[in-house]
Structure formats: structure tokens, C-alpha cells
Amino acid sequence: MNSKTPQGNFVGLLPLLFFLILYISSGILTGSFDNLPLLVAMVMASVVAFCLKGDNVMINSMTS
């Protein structure tokens, strides 16, 4: 049983970091955290996550 355990990657945290930086910086710059709705920031972070995904489905189906 020589199975490899999956390794974590920092890239997976980029959408979370993008969300936090976007939301906190907009709150600090405008003086109010209500100016940027949470849903807008979450949607933008989701777009970043989908852009990072790339062709992982194709790569995984080819290797297995």
C-alpha cells in the first residue's frame, strides 16, 4: 500500500484572500463596510475561484 496523500496548495486560498482584501479595503477606503454588499464581494470571489479552476476536470479524466 504505497498510496500518495494529496498535498495542499496555497492557490486554493486565493479566492478567500481576494474576498477579504476586497471587502476590508473597500470598507477602509470608503469609511463604511455597508457600501460594498457582501453578496457582490462573494460573487467576485467566486469568479476568481472559477477562473483558477481551469481544466482540472480534463486533466483528472485523462490521468485516471
C-alpha atoms as a PDB file:
ATOM      1  CA  MET A   1       0.000   0.000   0.000  1.00  0.00           C
ATOM      2  CA  ASN A   2       2.050   2.839  -1.313  1.00  0.00           C
ATOM      3  CA  SER A   3      -0.650   5.437  -1.869  1.00  0.00           C
ATOM      4  CA  LYS A   4       0.211   9.097  -2.039  1.00  0.00           C
ATOM      5  CA  THR A   5      -1.679  11.527   0.142  1.00  0.00           C
ATOM      6  CA  PRO A   6      -2.873  14.683  -1.617  1.00  0.00           C
ATOM      7  CA  GLN A   7      -0.856  17.775  -0.815  1.00  0.00           C
ATOM      8  CA  GLY A   8      -2.466  21.127  -0.093  1.00  0.00           C
ATOM      9  CA  ASN A   9      -1.819  24.137  -2.234  1.00  0.00           C
ATOM     10  CA  PHE A  10      -1.809  27.844  -1.383  1.00  0.00           C
ATOM     11  CA  VAL A  11      -3.650  28.645  -4.616  1.00  0.00           C
ATOM     12  CA  GLY A  12      -6.834  27.226  -3.094  1.00  0.00           C
ATOM     13  CA  LEU A  13      -6.898  30.064  -0.573  1.00  0.00           C
ATOM     14  CA  LEU A  14      -6.672  32.827  -3.177  1.00  0.00           C
ATOM     15  CA  PRO A  15     -10.461  33.346  -3.526  1.00  0.00           C
ATOM     16  CA  LEU A  16     -10.758  33.741   0.249  1.00  0.00           C
ATOM     17  CA  LEU A  17      -7.854  36.168   0.358  1.00  0.00           C
ATOM     18  CA  PHE A  18      -9.306  38.071  -2.600  1.00  0.00           C
ATOM     19  CA  PHE A  19     -12.646  38.373  -0.785  1.00  0.00           C
ATOM     20  CA  LEU A  20     -11.073  39.551   2.465  1.00  0.00           C
ATOM     21  CA  ILE A  21      -8.782  42.081   0.805  1.00  0.00           C
ATOM     22  CA  LEU A  22     -11.585  43.417  -1.386  1.00  0.00           C
ATOM     23  CA  TYR A  23     -14.120  43.737   1.416  1.00  0.00           C
ATOM     24  CA  ILE A  24     -11.782  45.133   4.059  1.00  0.00           C
ATOM     25  CA  SER A  25     -10.042  47.581   1.718  1.00  0.00           C
ATOM     26  CA  SER A  26     -13.339  48.909   0.352  1.00  0.00           C
ATOM     27  CA  GLY A  27     -14.599  49.359   3.912  1.00  0.00           C
ATOM     28  CA  ILE A  28     -11.484  51.215   4.967  1.00  0.00           C
ATOM     29  CA  LEU A  29     -11.321  53.407   1.861  1.00  0.00           C
ATOM     30  CA  THR A  30     -14.983  54.431   1.955  1.00  0.00           C
ATOM     31  CA  GLY A  31     -15.278  54.573   5.737  1.00  0.00           C
ATOM     32  CA  SER A  32     -18.271  52.230   5.775  1.00  0.00           C
ATOM     33  CA  PHE A  33     -18.455  48.498   5.251  1.00  0.00           C
ATOM     34  CA  ASP A  34     -22.052  48.849   4.024  1.00  0.00           C
ATOM     35  CA  ASN A  35     -21.026  50.454   0.730  1.00  0.00           C
ATOM     36  CA  LEU A  36     -19.955  47.132  -0.803  1.00  0.00           C
ATOM     37  CA  PRO A  37     -22.584  44.454  -0.221  1.00  0.00           C
ATOM     38  CA  LEU A  38     -21.289  41.086   0.944  1.00  0.00           C
ATOM     39  CA  LEU A  39     -23.028  39.306  -1.913  1.00  0.00           C
ATOM     40  CA  VAL A  40     -21.176  41.363  -4.516  1.00  0.00           C
ATOM     41  CA  ALA A  41     -17.823  40.568  -2.921  1.00  0.00           C
ATOM     42  CA  MET A  42     -18.741  36.875  -2.678  1.00  0.00           C
ATOM     43  CA  VAL A  43     -19.732  36.721  -6.342  1.00  0.00           C
ATOM     44  CA  MET A  44     -16.458  38.365  -7.329  1.00  0.00           C
ATOM     45  CA  ALA A  45     -14.512  35.850  -5.221  1.00  0.00           C
ATOM     46  CA  SER A  46     -16.484  33.035  -6.861  1.00  0.00           C
ATOM     47  CA  VAL A  47     -15.489  34.335 -10.285  1.00  0.00           C
ATOM     48  CA  VAL A  48     -11.851  34.250  -9.169  1.00  0.00           C
ATOM     49  CA  ALA A  49     -12.327  30.657  -7.970  1.00  0.00           C
ATOM     50  CA  PHE A  50     -13.847  29.576 -11.284  1.00  0.00           C
ATOM     51  CA  CYS A  51     -11.013  31.247 -13.195  1.00  0.00           C
ATOM     52  CA  LEU A  52      -8.467  29.376 -11.087  1.00  0.00           C
ATOM     53  CA  LYS A  53     -10.143  26.032 -11.720  1.00  0.00           C
ATOM     54  CA  GLY A  54      -9.030  25.867 -15.332  1.00  0.00           C
ATOM     55  CA  ASP A  55      -9.011  22.442 -16.998  1.00  0.00           C
ATOM     56  CA  ASN A  56      -8.706  20.296 -13.883  1.00  0.00           C
ATOM     57  CA  VAL A  57     -11.602  18.074 -14.984  1.00  0.00           C
ATOM     58  CA  MET A  58      -9.905  17.212 -18.246  1.00  0.00           C
ATOM     59  CA  ILE A  59      -6.548  16.542 -16.598  1.00  0.00           C
ATOM     60  CA  ASN A  60      -8.082  14.271 -13.944  1.00  0.00           C
ATOM     61  CA  SER A  61     -10.077  12.269 -16.504  1.00  0.00           C
ATOM     62  CA  MET A  62      -7.002  11.758 -18.670  1.00  0.00           C
ATOM     63  CA  THR A  63      -4.791  10.520 -15.820  1.00  0.00           C
ATOM     64  CA  SER A  64      -7.250   8.025 -14.333  1.00  0.00           C
END
